[in-house]
Structures are given as structure tokens and as C-alpha cells.
Amino acid sequence: MRVRLFAGAAEAAGRREQQVDGSMTLGDLRQALAADSGVEFPAVLARCSLMVDGVRLPDDAVVPDTATVDVLPPFAGG
């Protein structure tokens, strides 16, 4: 699957995009991303929303390997 990181999430991870092989739950994907990053990123990731093909899903939802997942940190505005 294609994982796109935005704003503070990209900065903390040190990358804007990542490929992840195979299907997995959204919760497992969070763990995999956190384990594959530096010290700061897991704390940022914990506050992020993950959108799967534009839809917010629960952590137990299975994400297909063909999906695009956007990692969106909280932001101010209105």
C-alpha cells in the first residue's frame, strides 16, 4: 500500500511517502510505521488521523495492499 505523510508527520518521519507490503489492520499499520521511524515519529503518529482511500476507518479495519493511506497530523484553522 502507498502511505503518504503530510506536514508534521512527514517532518518527524523524515519522509513524505512509504510503500508497505501486504494487507493489514489499520492498528497493525500504525505499529509498523512507528517501528520503522525515528524517536519523535511514534508520538506524532499517535495524534494523527489515518485516512484510507479518503475514508476514516477504525483501527481493526483491514487495509488492502492496494490502498492509499494518508497520515494527517492535527492542524489549526477553520
N, C-alpha and C. Protein backbone atom coordinates (compact mmCIF):
# COMPACT_ATOMS: atom_id res chain seq x y z
N MET A 1 0.84 -1.18 0.00
CA MET A 1 0.00 0.00 0.00
C MET A 1 0.88 1.24 0.00
N ARG A 2 0.32 2.30 -0.47
CA ARG A 2 1.02 3.58 -0.52
C ARG A 2 0.63 4.39 0.71
N VAL A 3 1.62 4.83 1.48
CA VAL A 3 1.38 5.64 2.67
C VAL A 3 1.98 7.02 2.41
N ARG A 4 1.13 8.03 2.48
CA ARG A 4 1.58 9.41 2.28
C ARG A 4 1.52 10.14 3.62
N LEU A 5 2.63 10.80 3.97
CA LEU A 5 2.72 11.53 5.22
C LEU A 5 2.72 13.02 4.92
N PHE A 6 1.99 13.78 5.73
CA PHE A 6 1.82 15.21 5.48
C PHE A 6 2.31 16.03 6.67
N ALA A 7 2.77 17.25 6.38
CA ALA A 7 3.14 18.28 7.35
C ALA A 7 4.06 17.73 8.44
N GLY A 8 3.67 17.89 9.71
CA GLY A 8 4.50 17.48 10.83
C GLY A 8 4.78 15.98 10.87
N ALA A 9 3.88 15.18 10.33
CA ALA A 9 4.12 13.73 10.29
C ALA A 9 5.28 13.42 9.34
N ALA A 10 5.31 14.07 8.20
CA ALA A 10 6.41 13.87 7.24
C ALA A 10 7.73 14.36 7.83
N GLU A 11 7.68 15.48 8.50
CA GLU A 11 8.89 16.03 9.11
C GLU A 11 9.44 15.10 10.19
N ALA A 12 8.57 14.59 11.06
CA ALA A 12 9.01 13.71 12.13
C ALA A 12 9.51 12.37 11.61
N ALA A 13 8.91 11.88 10.53
CA ALA A 13 9.31 10.59 9.97
C ALA A 13 10.54 10.71 9.07
N GLY A 14 10.78 11.91 8.56
CA GLY A 14 11.90 12.11 7.65
C GLY A 14 11.62 11.63 6.24
N ARG A 15 10.35 11.51 5.91
CA ARG A 15 9.96 11.11 4.55
C ARG A 15 8.52 11.55 4.30
N ARG A 16 8.15 11.64 3.04
CA ARG A 16 6.80 12.03 2.66
C ARG A 16 5.97 10.86 2.19
N GLU A 17 6.61 9.77 1.84
CA GLU A 17 5.88 8.62 1.31
C GLU A 17 6.62 7.34 1.65
N GLN A 18 5.84 6.25 1.74
CA GLN A 18 6.41 4.94 2.05
C GLN A 18 5.53 3.86 1.44
N GLN A 19 6.12 2.81 0.96
CA GLN A 19 5.38 1.65 0.48
C GLN A 19 5.38 0.60 1.60
N VAL A 20 4.25 -0.02 1.82
CA VAL A 20 4.11 -1.11 2.80
C VAL A 20 3.52 -2.29 2.07
N ASP A 21 4.15 -3.44 2.21
CA ASP A 21 3.69 -4.64 1.50
C ASP A 21 2.64 -5.39 2.30
N GLY A 22 1.61 -5.87 1.61
CA GLY A 22 0.60 -6.72 2.22
C GLY A 22 -0.56 -5.96 2.83
N SER A 23 -1.63 -6.71 3.07
CA SER A 23 -2.80 -6.17 3.76
C SER A 23 -2.59 -6.33 5.25
N MET A 24 -3.15 -5.41 6.04
CA MET A 24 -3.07 -5.49 7.50
C MET A 24 -4.13 -4.57 8.08
N THR A 25 -4.36 -4.72 9.38
CA THR A 25 -5.31 -3.81 10.01
C THR A 25 -4.67 -2.43 10.13
N LEU A 26 -5.51 -1.44 10.29
CA LEU A 26 -5.01 -0.08 10.45
C LEU A 26 -4.15 0.03 11.71
N GLY A 27 -4.54 -0.65 12.77
CA GLY A 27 -3.74 -0.66 14.00
C GLY A 27 -2.36 -1.27 13.78
N ASP A 28 -2.31 -2.38 13.01
CA ASP A 28 -1.02 -3.00 12.69
C ASP A 28 -0.18 -2.08 11.83
N LEU A 29 -0.82 -1.34 10.93
CA LEU A 29 -0.09 -0.40 10.09
C LEU A 29 0.51 0.70 10.95
N ARG A 30 -0.24 1.22 11.90
CA ARG A 30 0.30 2.24 12.82
C ARG A 30 1.56 1.72 13.51
N GLN A 31 1.49 0.49 14.01
CA GLN A 31 2.64 -0.11 14.70
C GLN A 31 3.83 -0.27 13.76
N ALA A 32 3.57 -0.72 12.54
CA ALA A 32 4.65 -0.92 11.57
C ALA A 32 5.31 0.41 11.21
N LEU A 33 4.52 1.44 11.01
CA LEU A 33 5.08 2.75 10.69
C LEU A 33 5.90 3.30 11.85
N ALA A 34 5.40 3.15 13.07
CA ALA A 34 6.10 3.66 14.25
C ALA A 34 7.43 2.92 14.46
N ALA A 35 7.44 1.62 14.20
CA ALA A 35 8.65 0.82 14.40
C ALA A 35 9.72 1.13 13.35
N ASP A 36 9.29 1.65 12.22
CA ASP A 36 10.20 1.90 11.09
C ASP A 36 10.62 3.37 11.02
N SER A 37 10.59 4.07 12.16
CA SER A 37 10.87 5.50 12.15
C SER A 37 11.72 5.90 13.34
N GLY A 38 12.08 7.16 13.36
CA GLY A 38 12.90 7.70 14.44
C GLY A 38 12.14 7.86 15.74
N VAL A 39 12.80 8.42 16.71
CA VAL A 39 12.28 8.55 18.07
C VAL A 39 11.05 9.44 18.16
N GLU A 40 11.02 10.53 17.43
CA GLU A 40 9.94 11.52 17.54
C GLU A 40 8.65 11.06 16.85
N PHE A 41 8.77 10.29 15.78
CA PHE A 41 7.61 9.97 14.95
C PHE A 41 6.50 9.19 15.68
N PRO A 42 6.77 8.18 16.50
CA PRO A 42 5.67 7.46 17.16
C PRO A 42 4.74 8.38 17.97
N ALA A 43 5.29 9.37 18.64
CA ALA A 43 4.45 10.30 19.41
C ALA A 43 3.59 11.15 18.48
N VAL A 44 4.15 11.56 17.36
CA VAL A 44 3.38 12.34 16.38
C VAL A 44 2.31 11.45 15.75
N LEU A 45 2.68 10.24 15.37
CA LEU A 45 1.75 9.30 14.74
C LEU A 45 0.55 9.01 15.63
N ALA A 46 0.76 8.94 16.93
CA ALA A 46 -0.33 8.66 17.87
C ALA A 46 -1.42 9.72 17.82
N ARG A 47 -1.07 10.95 17.40
CA ARG A 47 -2.04 12.04 17.33
C ARG A 47 -2.62 12.23 15.93
N CYS A 48 -2.14 11.44 14.98
CA CYS A 48 -2.56 11.61 13.58
C CYS A 48 -3.83 10.84 13.25
N SER A 49 -4.54 11.35 12.27
CA SER A 49 -5.65 10.63 11.65
C SER A 49 -5.11 9.88 10.45
N LEU A 50 -5.58 8.66 10.25
CA LEU A 50 -5.21 7.90 9.07
C LEU A 50 -6.45 7.74 8.21
N MET A 51 -6.35 8.18 6.98
CA MET A 51 -7.46 8.11 6.04
C MET A 51 -7.11 7.05 4.99
N VAL A 52 -7.97 6.08 4.81
CA VAL A 52 -7.75 5.00 3.85
C VAL A 52 -8.61 5.29 2.62
N ASP A 53 -7.96 5.59 1.53
CA ASP A 53 -8.66 5.97 0.30
C ASP A 53 -9.72 7.04 0.58
N GLY A 54 -9.35 8.00 1.43
CA GLY A 54 -10.22 9.14 1.73
C GLY A 54 -11.26 8.90 2.80
N VAL A 55 -11.22 7.72 3.45
CA VAL A 55 -12.23 7.37 4.46
C VAL A 55 -11.53 7.07 5.78
N ARG A 56 -12.09 7.61 6.87
CA ARG A 56 -11.57 7.30 8.20
C ARG A 56 -12.16 5.97 8.66
N LEU A 57 -11.28 5.04 9.06
CA LEU A 57 -11.70 3.70 9.47
C LEU A 57 -11.22 3.41 10.89
N PRO A 58 -11.87 2.45 11.58
CA PRO A 58 -11.39 2.06 12.91
C PRO A 58 -10.09 1.26 12.80
N ASP A 59 -9.35 1.19 13.90
CA ASP A 59 -8.05 0.52 13.90
C ASP A 59 -8.14 -0.97 13.60
N ASP A 60 -9.31 -1.60 13.77
CA ASP A 60 -9.43 -3.03 13.48
C ASP A 60 -9.84 -3.33 12.04
N ALA A 61 -10.03 -2.28 11.23
CA ALA A 61 -10.38 -2.46 9.81
C ALA A 61 -9.16 -2.94 9.03
N VAL A 62 -9.38 -3.86 8.12
CA VAL A 62 -8.30 -4.36 7.28
C VAL A 62 -8.09 -3.40 6.10
N VAL A 63 -6.84 -3.01 5.92
CA VAL A 63 -6.47 -2.11 4.83
C VAL A 63 -5.88 -2.97 3.71
N PRO A 64 -6.47 -2.94 2.53
CA PRO A 64 -5.94 -3.75 1.43
C PRO A 64 -4.60 -3.21 0.94
N ASP A 65 -3.80 -4.09 0.37
CA ASP A 65 -2.48 -3.66 -0.08
C ASP A 65 -2.53 -2.71 -1.28
N THR A 66 -3.70 -2.53 -1.86
CA THR A 66 -3.86 -1.60 -2.98
C THR A 66 -4.28 -0.20 -2.54
N ALA A 67 -4.47 0.00 -1.24
CA ALA A 67 -4.98 1.27 -0.71
C ALA A 67 -3.91 2.36 -0.68
N THR A 68 -4.40 3.60 -0.64
CA THR A 68 -3.55 4.76 -0.33
C THR A 68 -3.99 5.25 1.04
N VAL A 69 -3.03 5.35 1.96
CA VAL A 69 -3.30 5.78 3.33
C VAL A 69 -2.62 7.13 3.54
N ASP A 70 -3.40 8.11 3.95
CA ASP A 70 -2.87 9.45 4.25
C ASP A 70 -2.74 9.60 5.76
N VAL A 71 -1.55 10.00 6.21
CA VAL A 71 -1.27 10.25 7.63
C VAL A 71 -1.34 11.75 7.83
N LEU A 72 -2.38 12.19 8.54
CA LEU A 72 -2.66 13.62 8.69
C LEU A 72 -2.54 14.04 10.14
N PRO A 73 -1.56 14.88 10.47
CA PRO A 73 -1.46 15.37 11.84
C PRO A 73 -2.55 16.38 12.13
N PRO A 74 -2.84 16.61 13.41
CA PRO A 74 -3.83 17.64 13.73
C PRO A 74 -3.31 19.00 13.27
N PHE A 75 -4.21 19.85 12.86
CA PHE A 75 -3.81 21.18 12.41
C PHE A 75 -4.83 22.20 12.87
N ALA A 76 -4.39 23.41 13.02
CA ALA A 76 -5.27 24.50 13.43
C ALA A 76 -5.84 25.17 12.19
N GLY A 77 -6.95 25.78 12.35
CA GLY A 77 -7.53 26.51 11.23
C GLY A 77 -9.04 26.50 11.31
N GLY A 78 -9.63 26.97 10.29
CA GLY A 78 -11.08 26.96 10.34
C GLY A 78 -11.73 27.67 9.24
